[in-house]
Amino acid sequence: MRCVFDVNDYFAASLSRDGIPAQLIRRWLDGAFEVVVSPMLLTELWRVLANLKIRQRVSEGEAARVLALVRQHAAHHEDLVATVQPIVEDPEDAYLVALAREARAVLVTGDRHLLALADTLPVQSPATVHAWLVRRGEG
C-alpha cells in the first residue's frame, strides 16, 4: 500500500508520540507501507513546522527530525496539480489529491473536506488506515 499523508498528520505525530498519526509513522518506518511525497508537500511541511505558533508546541529539533525522516525515507514524486482543482473545495489541497491519484496512493487525512471525497477517491482518515493495518496484523 502507498500513502500520501496530509501535512497535518505529520504535525499531529510531532505533538503526540502515542497518537494514531505517530503510530502510522512508526508502521511506515517499519515497512508496513510506503509513503509518497512531492516538492509541494515538503515545502508545506517545512512552512508549517517553521511557523512561530507551531514552534510553541513542536521544538525546532523535533521539526527538523520529522522533515529529515520524511525527506530520507519517503518515495519522491513530481507535483501534478492542474488536473484535480475543480473537485477540491480548498484549492490549496489540490496538489495532495493529484499526488495521491498519480502515485496510486491512499490520501491519509483528517481534513473533513478531503474525507468527503472518499466516495470517488481513495481518501481515508488516519484512524481508518490504522484499523486496517491492525486487522492485517501490522498495527
C-alpha atoms as a PDB file:
ATOM      1  CA  MET A   1       0.000   0.000   0.000  1.00  0.00           C
ATOM      2  CA  ARG A   2       1.148   3.531  -0.776  1.00  0.00           C
ATOM      3  CA  CYS A   3       0.028   6.553   1.243  1.00  0.00           C
ATOM      4  CA  VAL A   4       0.204  10.318   0.928  1.00  0.00           C
ATOM      5  CA  PHE A   5      -0.072  11.935   4.345  1.00  0.00           C
ATOM      6  CA  ASP A   6      -1.647  15.338   4.734  1.00  0.00           C
ATOM      7  CA  VAL A   7       0.815  17.750   6.386  1.00  0.00           C
ATOM      8  CA  ASN A   8      -1.443  17.939   9.444  1.00  0.00           C
ATOM      9  CA  ASP A   9      -0.784  14.256  10.118  1.00  0.00           C
ATOM     10  CA  TYR A  10       2.957  14.869  10.382  1.00  0.00           C
ATOM     11  CA  PHE A  11       2.255  17.784  12.719  1.00  0.00           C
ATOM     12  CA  ALA A  12      -0.057  15.632  14.866  1.00  0.00           C
ATOM     13  CA  ALA A  13       2.608  12.913  15.008  1.00  0.00           C
ATOM     14  CA  SER A  14       5.072  15.520  16.292  1.00  0.00           C
ATOM     15  CA  LEU A  15       2.680  16.581  19.045  1.00  0.00           C
ATOM     16  CA  SER A  16       1.853  13.147  20.410  1.00  0.00           C
ATOM     17  CA  ARG A  17       4.057  10.106  20.056  1.00  0.00           C
ATOM     18  CA  ASP A  18       1.149   7.922  21.213  1.00  0.00           C
ATOM     19  CA  GLY A  19      -1.486   9.227  18.802  1.00  0.00           C
ATOM     20  CA  ILE A  20      -2.681   7.441  15.684  1.00  0.00           C
ATOM     21  CA  PRO A  21      -0.619   9.596  13.262  1.00  0.00           C
ATOM     22  CA  ALA A  22       2.575   8.832  15.222  1.00  0.00           C
ATOM     23  CA  GLN A  23       1.703   5.138  15.241  1.00  0.00           C
ATOM     24  CA  LEU A  24       1.234   5.263  11.479  1.00  0.00           C
ATOM     25  CA  ILE A  25       4.604   6.968  11.021  1.00  0.00           C
ATOM     26  CA  ARG A  26       6.239   4.162  13.054  1.00  0.00           C
ATOM     27  CA  ARG A  27       4.455   1.494  10.952  1.00  0.00           C
ATOM     28  CA  TRP A  28       5.664   3.233   7.800  1.00  0.00           C
ATOM     29  CA  LEU A  29       9.259   3.309   9.041  1.00  0.00           C
ATOM     30  CA  ASP A  30       8.892  -0.391   9.964  1.00  0.00           C
ATOM     31  CA  GLY A  31       7.951  -1.130   6.342  1.00  0.00           C
ATOM     32  CA  ALA A  32       4.195  -1.734   6.650  1.00  0.00           C
ATOM     33  CA  PHE A  33       3.518   0.600   3.709  1.00  0.00           C
ATOM     34  CA  GLU A  34       5.170   3.229   1.532  1.00  0.00           C
ATOM     35  CA  VAL A  35       4.787   6.989   1.920  1.00  0.00           C
ATOM     36  CA  VAL A  36       4.886   9.256  -1.133  1.00  0.00           C
ATOM     37  CA  VAL A  37       5.833  12.957  -1.018  1.00  0.00           C
ATOM     38  CA  SER A  38       6.337  15.726  -3.544  1.00  0.00           C
ATOM     39  CA  PRO A  39       8.184  19.041  -3.576  1.00  0.00           C
ATOM     40  CA  MET A  40       4.956  20.917  -2.752  1.00  0.00           C
ATOM     41  CA  LEU A  41       4.212  18.639   0.192  1.00  0.00           C
ATOM     42  CA  LEU A  42       7.751  19.013   1.557  1.00  0.00           C
ATOM     43  CA  THR A  43       7.552  22.803   1.156  1.00  0.00           C
ATOM     44  CA  GLU A  44       4.233  22.939   3.002  1.00  0.00           C
ATOM     45  CA  LEU A  45       5.553  20.652   5.741  1.00  0.00           C
ATOM     46  CA  TRP A  46       8.605  22.882   6.222  1.00  0.00           C
ATOM     47  CA  ARG A  47       6.400  26.004   6.235  1.00  0.00           C
ATOM     48  CA  VAL A  48       4.012  24.556   8.834  1.00  0.00           C
ATOM     49  CA  LEU A  49       6.754  23.258  11.101  1.00  0.00           C
ATOM     50  CA  ALA A  50       8.616  26.580  10.885  1.00  0.00           C
ATOM     51  CA  ASN A  51       5.536  28.600  11.840  1.00  0.00           C
ATOM     52  CA  LEU A  52       6.041  30.526  15.089  1.00  0.00           C
ATOM     53  CA  LYS A  53       2.735  29.300  16.568  1.00  0.00           C
ATOM     54  CA  ILE A  54       3.684  25.716  15.789  1.00  0.00           C
ATOM     55  CA  ARG A  55       7.144  26.231  17.298  1.00  0.00           C
ATOM     56  CA  GLN A  56       5.454  26.848  20.637  1.00  0.00           C
ATOM     57  CA  ARG A  57       4.280  23.220  20.521  1.00  0.00           C
ATOM     58  CA  VAL A  58       6.956  21.484  18.425  1.00  0.00           C
ATOM     59  CA  SER A  59      10.624  22.193  19.061  1.00  0.00           C
ATOM     60  CA  GLU A  60      12.973  23.177  16.267  1.00  0.00           C
ATOM     61  CA  GLY A  61      14.826  19.891  16.774  1.00  0.00           C
ATOM     62  CA  GLU A  62      11.643  17.815  16.523  1.00  0.00           C
ATOM     63  CA  ALA A  63      10.566  19.733  13.426  1.00  0.00           C
ATOM     64  CA  ALA A  64      13.956  19.114  11.788  1.00  0.00           C
ATOM     65  CA  ARG A  65      13.788  15.416  12.744  1.00  0.00           C
ATOM     66  CA  VAL A  66      10.338  14.988  11.172  1.00  0.00           C
ATOM     67  CA  LEU A  67      11.342  16.776   7.991  1.00  0.00           C
ATOM     68  CA  ALA A  68      14.554  14.738   7.690  1.00  0.00           C
ATOM     69  CA  LEU A  69      12.673  11.446   8.191  1.00  0.00           C
ATOM     70  CA  VAL A  70      10.174  12.308   5.502  1.00  0.00           C
ATOM     71  CA  ARG A  71      12.807  13.532   3.052  1.00  0.00           C
ATOM     72  CA  GLN A  72      15.021  10.483   3.562  1.00  0.00           C
ATOM     73  CA  HIS A  73      12.520   7.648   3.758  1.00  0.00           C
ATOM     74  CA  ALA A  74       9.568   8.605   1.563  1.00  0.00           C
ATOM     75  CA  ALA A  75       9.258   7.933  -2.133  1.00  0.00           C
ATOM     76  CA  HIS A  76       9.528  11.197  -4.063  1.00  0.00           C
ATOM     77  CA  HIS A  77       7.132  12.097  -6.855  1.00  0.00           C
ATOM     78  CA  GLU A  78       6.709  15.196  -9.016  1.00  0.00           C
ATOM     79  CA  ASP A  79       3.868  17.664  -8.466  1.00  0.00           C
ATOM     80  CA  LEU A  80       0.802  17.471 -10.739  1.00  0.00           C
ATOM     81  CA  VAL A  81      -1.908  19.915  -9.728  1.00  0.00           C
ATOM     82  CA  ALA A  82      -3.947  21.197 -12.657  1.00  0.00           C
ATOM     83  CA  THR A  83      -5.962  18.007 -13.226  1.00  0.00           C
ATOM     84  CA  VAL A  84      -7.880  17.946  -9.913  1.00  0.00           C
ATOM     85  CA  GLN A  85      -8.540  21.507  -8.829  1.00  0.00           C
ATOM     86  CA  PRO A  86     -12.257  21.502  -9.754  1.00  0.00           C
ATOM     87  CA  ILE A  87     -13.113  18.633  -7.356  1.00  0.00           C
ATOM     88  CA  VAL A  88     -11.318  20.026  -4.308  1.00  0.00           C
ATOM     89  CA  GLU A  89     -13.116  22.517  -2.059  1.00  0.00           C
ATOM     90  CA  ASP A  90      -9.846  24.091  -0.911  1.00  0.00           C
ATOM     91  CA  PRO A  91      -7.614  24.730  -3.971  1.00  0.00           C
ATOM     92  CA  GLU A  92      -4.543  24.571  -1.726  1.00  0.00           C
ATOM     93  CA  ASP A  93      -5.277  20.848  -1.192  1.00  0.00           C
ATOM     94  CA  ALA A  94      -5.441  20.055  -4.912  1.00  0.00           C
ATOM     95  CA  TYR A  95      -1.793  19.010  -5.024  1.00  0.00           C
ATOM     96  CA  LEU A  96      -2.427  16.339  -2.349  1.00  0.00           C
ATOM     97  CA  VAL A  97      -5.256  14.797  -4.343  1.00  0.00           C
ATOM     98  CA  ALA A  98      -3.213  14.966  -7.551  1.00  0.00           C
ATOM     99  CA  LEU A  99      -0.218  13.372  -5.847  1.00  0.00           C
ATOM    100  CA  ALA A 100      -2.264  10.548  -4.345  1.00  0.00           C
ATOM    101  CA  ARG A 101      -4.039   9.933  -7.640  1.00  0.00           C
ATOM    102  CA  GLU A 102      -0.853   9.944  -9.735  1.00  0.00           C
ATOM    103  CA  ALA A 103       1.091   7.824  -7.229  1.00  0.00           C
ATOM    104  CA  ARG A 104      -1.842   5.418  -6.873  1.00  0.00           C
ATOM    105  CA  ALA A 105      -1.813   6.026  -3.155  1.00  0.00           C
ATOM    106  CA  VAL A 106      -4.338   6.463  -0.381  1.00  0.00           C
ATOM    107  CA  LEU A 107      -4.608  10.048   0.815  1.00  0.00           C
ATOM    108  CA  VAL A 108      -4.468   9.926   4.616  1.00  0.00           C
ATOM    109  CA  THR A 109      -6.048  12.984   6.197  1.00  0.00           C
ATOM    110  CA  GLY A 110      -8.231  14.205   8.999  1.00  0.00           C
ATOM    111  CA  ASP A 111      -9.466  17.115   6.861  1.00  0.00           C
ATOM    112  CA  ARG A 112     -13.239  16.694   6.538  1.00  0.00           C
ATOM    113  CA  HIS A 113     -13.272  18.443   3.136  1.00  0.00           C
ATOM    114  CA  LEU A 114     -10.854  15.882   1.734  1.00  0.00           C
ATOM    115  CA  LEU A 115     -12.539  12.975   3.520  1.00  0.00           C
ATOM    116  CA  ALA A 116     -15.765  13.988   1.763  1.00  0.00           C
ATOM    117  CA  LEU A 117     -14.105  12.845  -1.487  1.00  0.00           C
ATOM    118  CA  ALA A 118     -13.862   9.237  -0.238  1.00  0.00           C
ATOM    119  CA  ASP A 119     -16.747   8.144  -2.475  1.00  0.00           C
ATOM    120  CA  THR A 120     -14.734   8.973  -5.577  1.00  0.00           C
ATOM    121  CA  LEU A 121     -11.094   8.860  -4.432  1.00  0.00           C
ATOM    122  CA  PRO A 122      -9.047   6.679  -2.083  1.00  0.00           C
ATOM    123  CA  VAL A 123      -9.124   9.057   0.894  1.00  0.00           C
ATOM    124  CA  GLN A 124      -9.046   7.669   4.433  1.00  0.00           C
ATOM    125  CA  SER A 125      -8.667   9.009   7.945  1.00  0.00           C
ATOM    126  CA  PRO A 126      -5.576   8.067   9.970  1.00  0.00           C
ATOM    127  CA  ALA A 127      -7.828   6.008  12.279  1.00  0.00           C
ATOM    128  CA  THR A 128      -9.252   4.027   9.358  1.00  0.00           C
ATOM    129  CA  VAL A 129      -5.799   3.261   7.937  1.00  0.00           C
ATOM    130  CA  HIS A 130      -4.548   2.287  11.400  1.00  0.00           C
ATOM    131  CA  ALA A 131      -7.528  -0.040  11.944  1.00  0.00           C
ATOM    132  CA  TRP A 132      -6.890  -1.649   8.562  1.00  0.00           C
ATOM    133  CA  LEU A 133      -3.240  -2.258   9.480  1.00  0.00           C
ATOM    134  CA  VAL A 134      -4.265  -3.756  12.823  1.00  0.00           C
ATOM    135  CA  ARG A 135      -6.695  -6.110  11.080  1.00  0.00           C
ATOM    136  CA  ARG A 136      -3.881  -7.166   8.750  1.00  0.00           C
ATOM    137  CA  GLY A 137      -1.671  -7.836  11.762  1.00  0.00           C
ATOM    138  CA  GLU A 138       0.638  -4.892  11.026  1.00  0.00           C
ATOM    139  CA  GLY A 139      -0.620  -2.498  13.690  1.00  0.00           C
END
